Amino acid sequence: MAAKWIEALTGSLEQKKQYRDAKKRIEALPEPYRTTALAQHRYTMYYGGITDGDTLVQIFVDLADLWERASIDGTPIADITGDDPVEFTETYAQAYGGTQWIDKERARLIKAVDDAKKKESRS
């Protein structure tokens, strides 16, 4: 009973566990993969604006998988990120879709303009 109440306030406890596990996996990577993965993680948190917990957790689980595999295989970082790590990270995040905070604001903007047009047409 208490877990449901806590989750209602803070979000899924299972998602938080999965996120923490993925973050630990990233932090355990050998250099230079750790630095790259942590930078990509940080940028995704700022850039992504994703509000859907399942999507966000999946992004970071897959990020851990990606960089673990790269470190095991010895894949050069540039072979993964290409010449533009910003473009790579943004494309990576966009591939997951999910609800973003800006979606709510877009809907709010559209409604405000539509309401204003209706008021204008009545005048």
PDB file of N, CA and C in Angstrom:
ATOM      1  N   MET A   1       0.821  -1.186   0.000  1.00  0.00           N
ATOM      2  CA  MET A   1       0.000   0.000   0.000  1.00  0.00           C
ATOM      3  C   MET A   1       0.870   1.256   0.000  1.00  0.00           C
ATOM      4  N   ALA A   2       1.877   1.299   0.829  1.00  0.00           N
ATOM      5  CA  ALA A   2       2.739   2.478   0.907  1.00  0.00           C
ATOM      6  C   ALA A   2       3.493   2.697  -0.396  1.00  0.00           C
ATOM      7  N   ALA A   3       3.909   1.604  -1.049  1.00  0.00           N
ATOM      8  CA  ALA A   3       4.658   1.733  -2.300  1.00  0.00           C
ATOM      9  C   ALA A   3       3.807   2.422  -3.364  1.00  0.00           C
ATOM     10  N   LYS A   4       2.526   2.096  -3.454  1.00  0.00           N
ATOM     11  CA  LYS A   4       1.648   2.734  -4.436  1.00  0.00           C
ATOM     12  C   LYS A   4       1.495   4.221  -4.151  1.00  0.00           C
ATOM     13  N   TRP A   5       1.402   4.565  -2.888  1.00  0.00           N
ATOM     14  CA  TRP A   5       1.279   5.970  -2.509  1.00  0.00           C
ATOM     15  C   TRP A   5       2.552   6.734  -2.864  1.00  0.00           C
ATOM     16  N   ILE A   6       3.692   6.123  -2.551  1.00  0.00           N
ATOM     17  CA  ILE A   6       4.980   6.754  -2.870  1.00  0.00           C
ATOM     18  C   ILE A   6       5.133   6.899  -4.381  1.00  0.00           C
ATOM     19  N   GLU A   7       4.787   5.842  -5.137  1.00  0.00           N
ATOM     20  CA  GLU A   7       4.899   5.897  -6.597  1.00  0.00           C
ATOM     21  C   GLU A   7       3.979   6.965  -7.190  1.00  0.00           C
ATOM     22  N   ALA A   8       2.830   7.176  -6.565  1.00  0.00           N
ATOM     23  CA  ALA A   8       1.926   8.209  -7.048  1.00  0.00           C
ATOM     24  C   ALA A   8       2.585   9.587  -6.960  1.00  0.00           C
ATOM     25  N   LEU A   9       3.417   9.777  -5.967  1.00  0.00           N
ATOM     26  CA  LEU A   9       4.101  11.062  -5.788  1.00  0.00           C
ATOM     27  C   LEU A   9       5.395  11.169  -6.578  1.00  0.00           C
ATOM     28  N   THR A  10       6.152  10.082  -6.639  1.00  0.00           N
ATOM     29  CA  THR A  10       7.509  10.155  -7.194  1.00  0.00           C
ATOM     30  C   THR A  10       7.696   9.442  -8.517  1.00  0.00           C
ATOM     31  N   GLY A  11       6.750   8.627  -8.935  1.00  0.00           N
ATOM     32  CA  GLY A  11       6.921   7.838 -10.144  1.00  0.00           C
ATOM     33  C   GLY A  11       7.291   6.405  -9.791  1.00  0.00           C
ATOM     34  N   SER A  12       7.423   5.597 -10.810  1.00  0.00           N
ATOM     35  CA  SER A  12       7.664   4.167 -10.647  1.00  0.00           C
ATOM     36  C   SER A  12       8.979   3.867  -9.931  1.00  0.00           C
ATOM     37  N   LEU A  13       8.884   3.090  -8.873  1.00  0.00           N
ATOM     38  CA  LEU A  13      10.094   2.670  -8.162  1.00  0.00           C
ATOM     39  C   LEU A  13      10.914   1.707  -9.020  1.00  0.00           C
ATOM     40  N   GLU A  14      10.238   0.889  -9.806  1.00  0.00           N
ATOM     41  CA  GLU A  14      10.943  -0.047 -10.696  1.00  0.00           C
ATOM     42  C   GLU A  14      11.741   0.729 -11.748  1.00  0.00           C
ATOM     43  N   GLN A  15      11.165   1.794 -12.289  1.00  0.00           N
ATOM     44  CA  GLN A  15      11.882   2.611 -13.257  1.00  0.00           C
ATOM     45  C   GLN A  15      13.116   3.250 -12.624  1.00  0.00           C
ATOM     46  N   LYS A  16      12.964   3.711 -11.400  1.00  0.00           N
ATOM     47  CA  LYS A  16      14.100   4.322 -10.707  1.00  0.00           C
ATOM     48  C   LYS A  16      15.222   3.301 -10.504  1.00  0.00           C
ATOM     49  N   LYS A  17      14.853   2.070 -10.170  1.00  0.00           N
ATOM     50  CA  LYS A  17      15.846   1.004  -9.993  1.00  0.00           C
ATOM     51  C   LYS A  17      16.546   0.707 -11.317  1.00  0.00           C
ATOM     52  N   GLN A  18      15.769   0.591 -12.387  1.00  0.00           N
ATOM     53  CA  GLN A  18      16.356   0.324 -13.701  1.00  0.00           C
ATOM     54  C   GLN A  18      17.295   1.456 -14.119  1.00  0.00           C
ATOM     55  N   TYR A  19      16.881   2.680 -13.866  1.00  0.00           N
ATOM     56  CA  TYR A  19      17.720   3.835 -14.199  1.00  0.00           C
ATOM     57  C   TYR A  19      19.021   3.798 -13.407  1.00  0.00           C
ATOM     58  N   ARG A  20      18.919   3.565 -12.097  1.00  0.00           N
ATOM     59  CA  ARG A  20      20.127   3.514 -11.263  1.00  0.00           C
ATOM     60  C   ARG A  20      21.061   2.395 -11.716  1.00  0.00           C
ATOM     61  N   ASP A  21      20.493   1.255 -12.075  1.00  0.00           N
ATOM     62  CA  ASP A  21      21.313   0.139 -12.560  1.00  0.00           C
ATOM     63  C   ASP A  21      22.039   0.510 -13.857  1.00  0.00           C
ATOM     64  N   ALA A  22      21.323   1.150 -14.779  1.00  0.00           N
ATOM     65  CA  ALA A  22      21.948   1.563 -16.040  1.00  0.00           C
ATOM     66  C   ALA A  22      23.050   2.590 -15.776  1.00  0.00           C
ATOM     67  N   LYS A  23      22.797   3.508 -14.863  1.00  0.00           N
ATOM     68  CA  LYS A  23      23.803   4.541 -14.524  1.00  0.00           C
ATOM     69  C   LYS A  23      25.046   3.893 -13.913  1.00  0.00           C
ATOM     70  N   LYS A  24      24.857   2.896 -13.060  1.00  0.00           N
ATOM     71  CA  LYS A  24      26.004   2.179 -12.473  1.00  0.00           C
ATOM     72  C   LYS A  24      26.813   1.465 -13.553  1.00  0.00           C
ATOM     73  N   ARG A  25      26.112   0.873 -14.519  1.00  0.00           N
ATOM     74  CA  ARG A  25      26.801   0.197 -15.611  1.00  0.00           C
ATOM     75  C   ARG A  25      27.637   1.177 -16.415  1.00  0.00           C
ATOM     76  N   ILE A  26      27.096   2.362 -16.656  1.00  0.00           N
ATOM     77  CA  ILE A  26      27.828   3.389 -17.394  1.00  0.00           C
ATOM     78  C   ILE A  26      29.052   3.833 -16.593  1.00  0.00           C
ATOM     79  N   GLU A  27      28.862   4.049 -15.297  1.00  0.00           N
ATOM     80  CA  GLU A  27      29.972   4.500 -14.452  1.00  0.00           C
ATOM     81  C   GLU A  27      31.059   3.436 -14.307  1.00  0.00           C
ATOM     82  N   ALA A  28      30.717   2.177 -14.551  1.00  0.00           N
ATOM     83  CA  ALA A  28      31.689   1.088 -14.441  1.00  0.00           C
ATOM     84  C   ALA A  28      32.480   0.852 -15.732  1.00  0.00           C
ATOM     85  N   LEU A  29      32.128   1.564 -16.790  1.00  0.00           N
ATOM     86  CA  LEU A  29      32.833   1.381 -18.060  1.00  0.00           C
ATOM     87  C   LEU A  29      34.291   1.817 -17.940  1.00  0.00           C
ATOM     88  N   PRO A  30      35.167   1.177 -18.721  1.00  0.00           N
ATOM     89  CA  PRO A  30      36.564   1.643 -18.748  1.00  0.00           C
ATOM     90  C   PRO A  30      36.650   2.943 -19.554  1.00  0.00           C
ATOM     91  N   GLU A  31      37.691   3.708 -19.277  1.00  0.00           N
ATOM     92  CA  GLU A  31      37.941   4.920 -20.059  1.00  0.00           C
ATOM     93  C   GLU A  31      38.412   4.516 -21.447  1.00  0.00           C
ATOM     94  N   PRO A  32      38.141   5.255 -22.449  1.00  0.00           N
ATOM     95  CA  PRO A  32      37.429   6.525 -22.540  1.00  0.00           C
ATOM     96  C   PRO A  32      35.923   6.362 -22.745  1.00  0.00           C
ATOM     97  N   TYR A  33      35.438   5.129 -22.712  1.00  0.00           N
ATOM     98  CA  TYR A  33      34.005   4.881 -22.935  1.00  0.00           C
ATOM     99  C   TYR A  33      33.147   5.489 -21.825  1.00  0.00           C
ATOM    100  N   ARG A  34      33.633   5.413 -20.593  1.00  0.00           N
ATOM    101  CA  ARG A  34      32.882   5.983 -19.467  1.00  0.00           C
ATOM    102  C   ARG A  34      32.661   7.478 -19.675  1.00  0.00           C
ATOM    103  N   THR A  35      33.723   8.196 -19.982  1.00  0.00           N
ATOM    104  CA  THR A  35      33.611   9.647 -20.184  1.00  0.00           C
ATOM    105  C   THR A  35      32.625   9.966 -21.299  1.00  0.00           C
ATOM    106  N   THR A  36      32.714   9.233 -22.386  1.00  0.00           N
ATOM    107  CA  THR A  36      31.825   9.455 -23.523  1.00  0.00           C
ATOM    108  C   THR A  36      30.376   9.135 -23.161  1.00  0.00           C
ATOM    109  N   ALA A  37      30.156   7.994 -22.533  1.00  0.00           N
ATOM    110  CA  ALA A  37      28.794   7.589 -22.166  1.00  0.00           C
ATOM    111  C   ALA A  37      28.180   8.545 -21.145  1.00  0.00           C
ATOM    112  N   LEU A  38      28.978   8.992 -20.175  1.00  0.00           N
ATOM    113  CA  LEU A  38      28.464   9.942 -19.177  1.00  0.00           C
ATOM    114  C   LEU A  38      28.121  11.278 -19.827  1.00  0.00           C
ATOM    115  N   ALA A  39      28.938  11.704 -20.780  1.00  0.00           N
ATOM    116  CA  ALA A  39      28.658  12.953 -21.490  1.00  0.00           C
ATOM    117  C   ALA A  39      27.384  12.819 -22.322  1.00  0.00           C
ATOM    118  N   GLN A  40      27.236  11.681 -22.975  1.00  0.00           N
ATOM    119  CA  GLN A  40      26.025  11.453 -23.765  1.00  0.00           C
ATOM    120  C   GLN A  40      24.801  11.377 -22.847  1.00  0.00           C
ATOM    121  N   HIS A  41      24.941  10.732 -21.705  1.00  0.00           N
ATOM    122  CA  HIS A  41      23.859  10.641 -20.726  1.00  0.00           C
ATOM    123  C   HIS A  41      23.436  12.039 -20.283  1.00  0.00           C
ATOM    124  N   ARG A  42      24.407  12.846 -19.908  1.00  0.00           N
ATOM    125  CA  ARG A  42      24.112  14.208 -19.429  1.00  0.00           C
ATOM    126  C   ARG A  42      23.425  15.031 -20.509  1.00  0.00           C
ATOM    127  N   TYR A  43      23.956  14.977 -21.716  1.00  0.00           N
ATOM    128  CA  TYR A  43      23.379  15.758 -22.810  1.00  0.00           C
ATOM    129  C   TYR A  43      21.949  15.303 -23.090  1.00  0.00           C
ATOM    130  N   THR A  44      21.722  14.015 -23.068  1.00  0.00           N
ATOM    131  CA  THR A  44      20.380  13.479 -23.324  1.00  0.00           C
ATOM    132  C   THR A  44      19.394  13.960 -22.266  1.00  0.00           C
ATOM    133  N   MET A  45      19.833  14.039 -21.017  1.00  0.00           N
ATOM    134  CA  MET A  45      18.954  14.525 -19.955  1.00  0.00           C
ATOM    135  C   MET A  45      18.537  15.973 -20.225  1.00  0.00           C
ATOM    136  N   TYR A  46      19.453  16.787 -20.707  1.00  0.00           N
ATOM    137  CA  TYR A  46      19.132  18.185 -20.995  1.00  0.00           C
ATOM    138  C   TYR A  46      18.398  18.341 -22.316  1.00  0.00           C
ATOM    139  N   TYR A  47      18.867  17.653 -23.330  1.00  0.00           N
ATOM    140  CA  TYR A  47      18.312  17.809 -24.668  1.00  0.00           C
ATOM    141  C   TYR A  47      16.964  17.123 -24.824  1.00  0.00           C
ATOM    142  N   GLY A  48      16.876  15.903 -24.329  1.00  0.00           N
ATOM    143  CA  GLY A  48      15.717  15.065 -24.605  1.00  0.00           C
ATOM    144  C   GLY A  48      14.403  15.627 -24.119  1.00  0.00           C
ATOM    145  N   GLY A  49      14.361  16.145 -22.901  1.00  0.00           N
ATOM    146  CA  GLY A  49      13.122  16.667 -22.357  1.00  0.00           C
ATOM    147  C   GLY A  49      12.024  15.625 -22.287  1.00  0.00           C
ATOM    148  N   ILE A  50      12.405  14.370 -22.205  1.00  0.00           N
ATOM    149  CA  ILE A  50      11.434  13.280 -22.232  1.00  0.00           C
ATOM    150  C   ILE A  50      10.778  13.146 -20.866  1.00  0.00           C
ATOM    151  N   THR A  51       9.454  13.083 -20.870  1.00  0.00           N
ATOM    152  CA  THR A  51       8.712  12.979 -19.619  1.00  0.00           C
ATOM    153  C   THR A  51       8.167  11.578 -19.380  1.00  0.00           C
ATOM    154  N   ASP A  52       8.265  10.719 -20.366  1.00  0.00           N
ATOM    155  CA  ASP A  52       7.786   9.342 -20.245  1.00  0.00           C
ATOM    156  C   ASP A  52       8.883   8.490 -19.610  1.00  0.00           C
ATOM    157  N   GLY A  53       8.624   8.008 -18.397  1.00  0.00           N
ATOM    158  CA  GLY A  53       9.632   7.264 -17.649  1.00  0.00           C
ATOM    159  C   GLY A  53      10.109   6.006 -18.344  1.00  0.00           C
ATOM    160  N   ASP A  54       9.185   5.252 -18.952  1.00  0.00           N
ATOM    161  CA  ASP A  54       9.580   4.021 -19.639  1.00  0.00           C
ATOM    162  C   ASP A  54      10.552   4.312 -20.773  1.00  0.00           C
ATOM    163  N   THR A  55      10.270   5.356 -21.535  1.00  0.00           N
ATOM    164  CA  THR A  55      11.146   5.718 -22.655  1.00  0.00           C
ATOM    165  C   THR A  55      12.507   6.165 -22.146  1.00  0.00           C
ATOM    166  N   LEU A  56      12.507   6.994 -21.132  1.00  0.00           N
ATOM    167  CA  LEU A  56      13.768   7.504 -20.587  1.00  0.00           C
ATOM    168  C   LEU A  56      14.639   6.369 -20.047  1.00  0.00           C
ATOM    169  N   VAL A  57      14.033   5.455 -19.322  1.00  0.00           N
ATOM    170  CA  VAL A  57      14.784   4.314 -18.791  1.00  0.00           C
ATOM    171  C   VAL A  57      15.347   3.482 -19.936  1.00  0.00           C
ATOM    172  N   GLN A  58      14.540   3.247 -20.962  1.00  0.00           N
ATOM    173  CA  GLN A  58      15.006   2.427 -22.086  1.00  0.00           C
ATOM    174  C   GLN A  58      16.183   3.085 -22.798  1.00  0.00           C
ATOM    175  N   ILE A  59      16.138   4.402 -22.937  1.00  0.00           N
ATOM    176  CA  ILE A  59      17.259   5.117 -23.564  1.00  0.00           C
ATOM    177  C   ILE A  59      18.551   4.828 -22.808  1.00  0.00           C
ATOM    178  N   PHE A  60      18.498   4.892 -21.477  1.00  0.00           N
ATOM    179  CA  PHE A  60      19.720   4.746 -20.700  1.00  0.00           C
ATOM    180  C   PHE A  60      20.160   3.292 -20.551  1.00  0.00           C
ATOM    181  N   VAL A  61      19.220   2.373 -20.554  1.00  0.00           N
ATOM    182  CA  VAL A  61      19.592   0.950 -20.569  1.00  0.00           C
ATOM    183  C   VAL A  61      20.302   0.640 -21.890  1.00  0.00           C
ATOM    184  N   ASP A  62      19.734   1.134 -22.983  1.00  0.00           N
ATOM    185  CA  ASP A  62      20.354   0.904 -24.295  1.00  0.00           C
ATOM    186  C   ASP A  62      21.690   1.630 -24.422  1.00  0.00           C
ATOM    187  N   LEU A  63      21.801   2.797 -23.807  1.00  0.00           N
ATOM    188  CA  LEU A  63      23.068   3.525 -23.810  1.00  0.00           C
ATOM    189  C   LEU A  63      24.150   2.707 -23.103  1.00  0.00           C
ATOM    190  N   ALA A  64      23.801   2.139 -21.966  1.00  0.00           N
ATOM    191  CA  ALA A  64      24.748   1.277 -21.248  1.00  0.00           C
ATOM    192  C   ALA A  64      25.133   0.080 -22.110  1.00  0.00           C
ATOM    193  N   ASP A  65      24.139  -0.536 -22.758  1.00  0.00           N
ATOM    194  CA  ASP A  65      24.411  -1.679 -23.651  1.00  0.00           C
ATOM    195  C   ASP A  65      25.364  -1.274 -24.776  1.00  0.00           C
ATOM    196  N   LEU A  66      25.070  -0.138 -25.407  1.00  0.00           N
ATOM    197  CA  LEU A  66      25.879   0.333 -26.528  1.00  0.00           C
ATOM    198  C   LEU A  66      27.345   0.490 -26.139  1.00  0.00           C
ATOM    199  N   TRP A  67      27.593   1.200 -25.035  1.00  0.00           N
ATOM    200  CA  TRP A  67      28.974   1.487 -24.666  1.00  0.00           C
ATOM    201  C   TRP A  67      29.672   0.289 -24.028  1.00  0.00           C
ATOM    202  N   GLU A  68      28.925  -0.578 -23.369  1.00  0.00           N
ATOM    203  CA  GLU A  68      29.536  -1.833 -22.883  1.00  0.00           C
ATOM    204  C   GLU A  68      30.005  -2.672 -24.061  1.00  0.00           C
ATOM    205  N   ARG A  69      29.153  -2.801 -25.072  1.00  0.00           N
ATOM    206  CA  ARG A  69      29.511  -3.593 -26.252  1.00  0.00           C
ATOM    207  C   ARG A  69      30.708  -2.973 -26.963  1.00  0.00           C
ATOM    208  N   ALA A  70      30.705  -1.655 -27.086  1.00  0.00           N
ATOM    209  CA  ALA A  70      31.826  -0.970 -27.746  1.00  0.00           C
ATOM    210  C   ALA A  70      33.125  -1.201 -26.995  1.00  0.00           C
ATOM    211  N   SER A  71      33.067  -1.151 -25.663  1.00  0.00           N
ATOM    212  CA  SER A  71      34.303  -1.345 -24.884  1.00  0.00           C
ATOM    213  C   SER A  71      34.790  -2.781 -24.990  1.00  0.00           C
ATOM    214  N   ILE A  72      33.877  -3.725 -24.987  1.00  0.00           N
ATOM    215  CA  ILE A  72      34.254  -5.136 -25.115  1.00  0.00           C
ATOM    216  C   ILE A  72      34.900  -5.400 -26.472  1.00  0.00           C
ATOM    217  N   ASP A  73      34.284  -4.831 -27.522  1.00  0.00           N
ATOM    218  CA  ASP A  73      34.779  -5.040 -28.882  1.00  0.00           C
ATOM    219  C   ASP A  73      35.979  -4.158 -29.225  1.00  0.00           C
ATOM    220  N   GLY A  74      36.251  -3.145 -28.384  1.00  0.00           N
ATOM    221  CA  GLY A  74      37.329  -2.217 -28.675  1.00  0.00           C
ATOM    222  C   GLY A  74      37.003  -1.281 -29.832  1.00  0.00           C
ATOM    223  N   THR A  75      35.716  -1.022 -30.043  1.00  0.00           N
ATOM    224  CA  THR A  75      35.283  -0.144 -31.129  1.00  0.00           C
ATOM    225  C   THR A  75      35.697   1.294 -30.824  1.00  0.00           C
ATOM    226  N   PRO A  76      36.358   1.945 -31.759  1.00  0.00           N
ATOM    227  CA  PRO A  76      36.731   3.348 -31.536  1.00  0.00           C
ATOM    228  C   PRO A  76      35.482   4.220 -31.351  1.00  0.00           C
ATOM    229  N   ILE A  77      35.577   5.173 -30.463  1.00  0.00           N
ATOM    230  CA  ILE A  77      34.444   6.050 -30.169  1.00  0.00           C
ATOM    231  C   ILE A  77      33.956   6.752 -31.424  1.00  0.00           C
ATOM    232  N   ALA A  78      34.875   7.221 -32.246  1.00  0.00           N
ATOM    233  CA  ALA A  78      34.497   7.932 -33.472  1.00  0.00           C
ATOM    234  C   ALA A  78      33.707   7.040 -34.433  1.00  0.00           C
ATOM    235  N   ASP A  79      33.919   5.739 -34.368  1.00  0.00           N
ATOM    236  CA  ASP A  79      33.148   4.825 -35.214  1.00  0.00           C
ATOM    237  C   ASP A  79      31.680   4.796 -34.801  1.00  0.00           C
ATOM    238  N   ILE A  80      31.391   5.151 -33.568  1.00  0.00           N
ATOM    239  CA  ILE A  80      30.012   5.162 -33.082  1.00  0.00           C
ATOM    240  C   ILE A  80      29.415   6.559 -33.220  1.00  0.00           C
ATOM    241  N   THR A  81      30.117   7.556 -32.717  1.00  0.00           N
ATOM    242  CA  THR A  81      29.560   8.907 -32.700  1.00  0.00           C
ATOM    243  C   THR A  81      29.740   9.661 -34.005  1.00  0.00           C
ATOM    244  N   GLY A  82      30.670   9.215 -34.836  1.00  0.00           N
ATOM    245  CA  GLY A  82      30.969   9.964 -36.048  1.00  0.00           C
ATOM    246  C   GLY A  82      31.719  11.236 -35.696  1.00  0.00           C
ATOM    247  N   ASP A  83      31.708  12.186 -36.605  1.00  0.00           N
ATOM    248  CA  ASP A  83      32.446  13.441 -36.407  1.00  0.00           C
ATOM    249  C   ASP A  83      31.693  14.428 -35.526  1.00  0.00           C
ATOM    250  N   ASP A  84      30.381  14.236 -35.370  1.00  0.00           N
ATOM    251  CA  ASP A  84      29.566  15.194 -34.626  1.00  0.00           C
ATOM    252  C   ASP A  84      28.823  14.486 -33.493  1.00  0.00           C
ATOM    253  N   PRO A  85      29.396  14.486 -32.283  1.00  0.00           N
ATOM    254  CA  PRO A  85      28.747  13.787 -31.175  1.00  0.00           C
ATOM    255  C   PRO A  85      27.404  14.388 -30.782  1.00  0.00           C
ATOM    256  N   VAL A  86      27.201  15.676 -31.044  1.00  0.00           N
ATOM    257  CA  VAL A  86      25.911  16.302 -30.741  1.00  0.00           C
ATOM    258  C   VAL A  86      24.837  15.732 -31.664  1.00  0.00           C
ATOM    259  N   GLU A  87      25.135  15.688 -32.944  1.00  0.00           N
ATOM    260  CA  GLU A  87      24.174  15.129 -33.903  1.00  0.00           C
ATOM    261  C   GLU A  87      23.877  13.667 -33.570  1.00  0.00           C
ATOM    262  N   PHE A  88      24.921  12.909 -33.252  1.00  0.00           N
ATOM    263  CA  PHE A  88      24.725  11.507 -32.903  1.00  0.00           C
ATOM    264  C   PHE A  88      23.794  11.372 -31.693  1.00  0.00           C
ATOM    265  N   THR A  89      24.050  12.135 -30.647  1.00  0.00           N
ATOM    266  CA  THR A  89      23.275  12.027 -29.417  1.00  0.00           C
ATOM    267  C   THR A  89      21.845  12.499 -29.622  1.00  0.00           C
ATOM    268  N   GLU A  90      21.644  13.560 -30.370  1.00  0.00           N
ATOM    269  CA  GLU A  90      20.289  14.035 -30.634  1.00  0.00           C
ATOM    270  C   GLU A  90      19.508  13.032 -31.478  1.00  0.00           C
ATOM    271  N   THR A  91      20.150  12.475 -32.483  1.00  0.00           N
ATOM    272  CA  THR A  91      19.500  11.469 -33.314  1.00  0.00           C
ATOM    273  C   THR A  91      19.174  10.227 -32.493  1.00  0.00           C
ATOM    274  N   TYR A  92      20.090   9.842 -31.630  1.00  0.00           N
ATOM    275  CA  TYR A  92      19.889   8.700 -30.732  1.00  0.00           C
ATOM    276  C   TYR A  92      18.642   8.918 -29.881  1.00  0.00           C
ATOM    277  N   ALA A  93      18.531  10.075 -29.250  1.00  0.00           N
ATOM    278  CA  ALA A  93      17.386  10.369 -28.376  1.00  0.00           C
ATOM    279  C   ALA A  93      16.087  10.452 -29.175  1.00  0.00           C
ATOM    280  N   GLN A  94      16.137  11.071 -30.349  1.00  0.00           N
ATOM    281  CA  GLN A  94      14.936  11.217 -31.171  1.00  0.00           C
ATOM    282  C   GLN A  94      14.406   9.880 -31.651  1.00  0.00           C
ATOM    283  N   ALA A  95      15.279   8.903 -31.805  1.00  0.00           N
ATOM    284  CA  ALA A  95      14.862   7.589 -32.273  1.00  0.00           C
ATOM    285  C   ALA A  95      13.893   6.910 -31.303  1.00  0.00           C
ATOM    286  N   TYR A  96      13.893   7.340 -30.064  1.00  0.00           N
ATOM    287  CA  TYR A  96      13.045   6.720 -29.053  1.00  0.00           C
ATOM    288  C   TYR A  96      11.663   7.360 -28.956  1.00  0.00           C
ATOM    289  N   GLY A  97      11.514   8.523 -29.534  1.00  0.00           N
ATOM    290  CA  GLY A  97      10.215   9.189 -29.436  1.00  0.00           C
ATOM    291  C   GLY A  97       9.888   9.507 -27.995  1.00  0.00           C
ATOM    292  N   GLY A  98       8.706   9.150 -27.565  1.00  0.00           N
ATOM    293  CA  GLY A  98       8.295   9.420 -26.190  1.00  0.00           C
ATOM    294  C   GLY A  98       7.737  10.816 -26.040  1.00  0.00           C
ATOM    295  N   THR A  99       7.033  11.027 -24.977  1.00  0.00           N
ATOM    296  CA  THR A  99       6.442  12.321 -24.692  1.00  0.00           C
ATOM    297  C   THR A  99       7.496  13.246 -24.116  1.00  0.00           C
ATOM    298  N   GLN A 100       7.564  14.444 -24.666  1.00  0.00           N
ATOM    299  CA  GLN A 100       8.517  15.431 -24.192  1.00  0.00           C
ATOM    300  C   GLN A 100       7.762  16.581 -23.540  1.00  0.00           C
ATOM    301  N   TRP A 101       8.434  17.294 -22.658  1.00  0.00           N
ATOM    302  CA  TRP A 101       7.790  18.410 -21.975  1.00  0.00           C
ATOM    303  C   TRP A 101       7.298  19.449 -22.963  1.00  0.00           C
ATOM    304  N   ILE A 102       7.995  19.613 -24.080  1.00  0.00           N
ATOM    305  CA  ILE A 102       7.612  20.614 -25.067  1.00  0.00           C
ATOM    306  C   ILE A 102       6.296  20.253 -25.743  1.00  0.00           C
ATOM    307  N   ASP A 103       5.933  18.979 -25.772  1.00  0.00           N
ATOM    308  CA  ASP A 103       4.661  18.563 -26.370  1.00  0.00           C
ATOM    309  C   ASP A 103       3.484  19.248 -25.671  1.00  0.00           C
ATOM    310  N   LYS A 104       3.540  19.313 -24.349  1.00  0.00           N
ATOM    311  CA  LYS A 104       2.487  19.974 -23.570  1.00  0.00           C
ATOM    312  C   LYS A 104       2.439  21.460 -23.900  1.00  0.00           C
ATOM    313  N   GLU A 105       3.606  22.074 -24.029  1.00  0.00           N
ATOM    314  CA  GLU A 105       3.652  23.500 -24.332  1.00  0.00           C
ATOM    315  C   GLU A 105       3.189  23.791 -25.756  1.00  0.00           C
ATOM    316  N   ARG A 106       3.488  22.893 -26.697  1.00  0.00           N
ATOM    317  CA  ARG A 106       2.992  23.063 -28.068  1.00  0.00           C
ATOM    318  C   ARG A 106       1.463  23.046 -28.069  1.00  0.00           C
ATOM    319  N   ALA A 107       0.890  22.073 -27.375  1.00  0.00           N
ATOM    320  CA  ALA A 107      -0.567  21.966 -27.285  1.00  0.00           C
ATOM    321  C   ALA A 107      -1.160  23.214 -26.634  1.00  0.00           C
ATOM    322  N   ARG A 108      -0.514  23.718 -25.608  1.00  0.00           N
ATOM    323  CA  ARG A 108      -0.979  24.923 -24.926  1.00  0.00           C
ATOM    324  C   ARG A 108      -0.932  26.131 -25.879  1.00  0.00           C
ATOM    325  N   LEU A 109       0.139  26.264 -26.651  1.00  0.00           N
ATOM    326  CA  LEU A 109       0.273  27.353 -27.610  1.00  0.00           C
ATOM    327  C   LEU A 109      -0.822  27.273 -28.671  1.00  0.00           C
ATOM    328  N   ILE A 110      -1.017  26.089 -29.231  1.00  0.00           N
ATOM    329  CA  ILE A 110      -2.033  25.914 -30.273  1.00  0.00           C
ATOM    330  C   ILE A 110      -3.418  26.271 -29.741  1.00  0.00           C
ATOM    331  N   LYS A 111      -3.741  25.811 -28.544  1.00  0.00           N
ATOM    332  CA  LYS A 111      -5.041  26.110 -27.945  1.00  0.00           C
ATOM    333  C   LYS A 111      -5.200  27.609 -27.707  1.00  0.00           C
ATOM    334  N   ALA A 112      -4.169  28.262 -27.204  1.00  0.00           N
ATOM    335  CA  ALA A 112      -4.243  29.700 -26.941  1.00  0.00           C
ATOM    336  C   ALA A 112      -4.486  30.486 -28.227  1.00  0.00           C
ATOM    337  N   VAL A 113      -3.776  30.123 -29.290  1.00  0.00           N
ATOM    338  CA  VAL A 113      -3.955  30.824 -30.564  1.00  0.00           C
ATOM    339  C   VAL A 113      -5.339  30.533 -31.141  1.00  0.00           C
ATOM    340  N   ASP A 114      -5.776  29.282 -31.073  1.00  0.00           N
ATOM    341  CA  ASP A 114      -7.118  28.940 -31.555  1.00  0.00           C
ATOM    342  C   ASP A 114      -8.191  29.699 -30.786  1.00  0.00           C
ATOM    343  N   ASP A 115      -8.053  29.765 -29.469  1.00  0.00           N
ATOM    344  CA  ASP A 115      -9.012  30.518 -28.646  1.00  0.00           C
ATOM    345  C   ASP A 115      -9.012  31.996 -29.027  1.00  0.00           C
ATOM    346  N   ALA A 116      -7.837  32.555 -29.262  1.00  0.00           N
ATOM    347  CA  ALA A 116      -7.737  33.961 -29.642  1.00  0.00           C
ATOM    348  C   ALA A 116      -8.402  34.203 -30.995  1.00  0.00           C
ATOM    349  N   LYS A 117      -8.214  33.277 -31.927  1.00  0.00           N
ATOM    350  CA  LYS A 117      -8.845  33.413 -33.253  1.00  0.00           C
ATOM    351  C   LYS A 117     -10.365  33.372 -33.124  1.00  0.00           C
ATOM    352  N   LYS A 118     -10.872  32.497 -32.264  1.00  0.00           N
ATOM    353  CA  LYS A 118     -12.325  32.404 -32.069  1.00  0.00           C
ATOM    354  C   LYS A 118     -12.874  33.714 -31.491  1.00  0.00           C
ATOM    355  N   LYS A 119     -12.189  34.269 -30.515  1.00  0.00           N
ATOM    356  CA  LYS A 119     -12.613  35.539 -29.922  1.00  0.00           C
ATOM    357  C   LYS A 119     -12.563  36.656 -30.956  1.00  0.00           C
ATOM    358  N   GLU A 120     -11.520  36.620 -31.786  1.00  0.00           N
ATOM    359  CA  GLU A 120     -11.350  37.641 -32.802  1.00  0.00           C
ATOM    360  C   GLU A 120     -12.484  37.581 -33.829  1.00  0.00           C
ATOM    361  N   SER A 121     -12.874  36.376 -34.221  1.00  0.00           N
ATOM    362  CA  SER A 121     -13.918  36.222 -35.229  1.00  0.00           C
ATOM    363  C   SER A 121     -15.297  36.620 -34.704  1.00  0.00           C
ATOM    364  N   ARG A 122     -15.494  36.590 -33.386  1.00  0.00           N
ATOM    365  CA  ARG A 122     -16.765  37.003 -32.783  1.00  0.00           C
ATOM    366  C   ARG A 122     -16.878  38.522 -32.716  1.00  0.00           C
ATOM    367  N   SER A 123     -15.738  39.188 -32.788  1.00  0.00           N
ATOM    368  CA  SER A 123     -15.754  40.658 -32.647  1.00  0.00           C
ATOM    369  C   SER A 123     -16.157  41.347 -33.909  1.00  0.00           C
TER     370      SER A 123
END
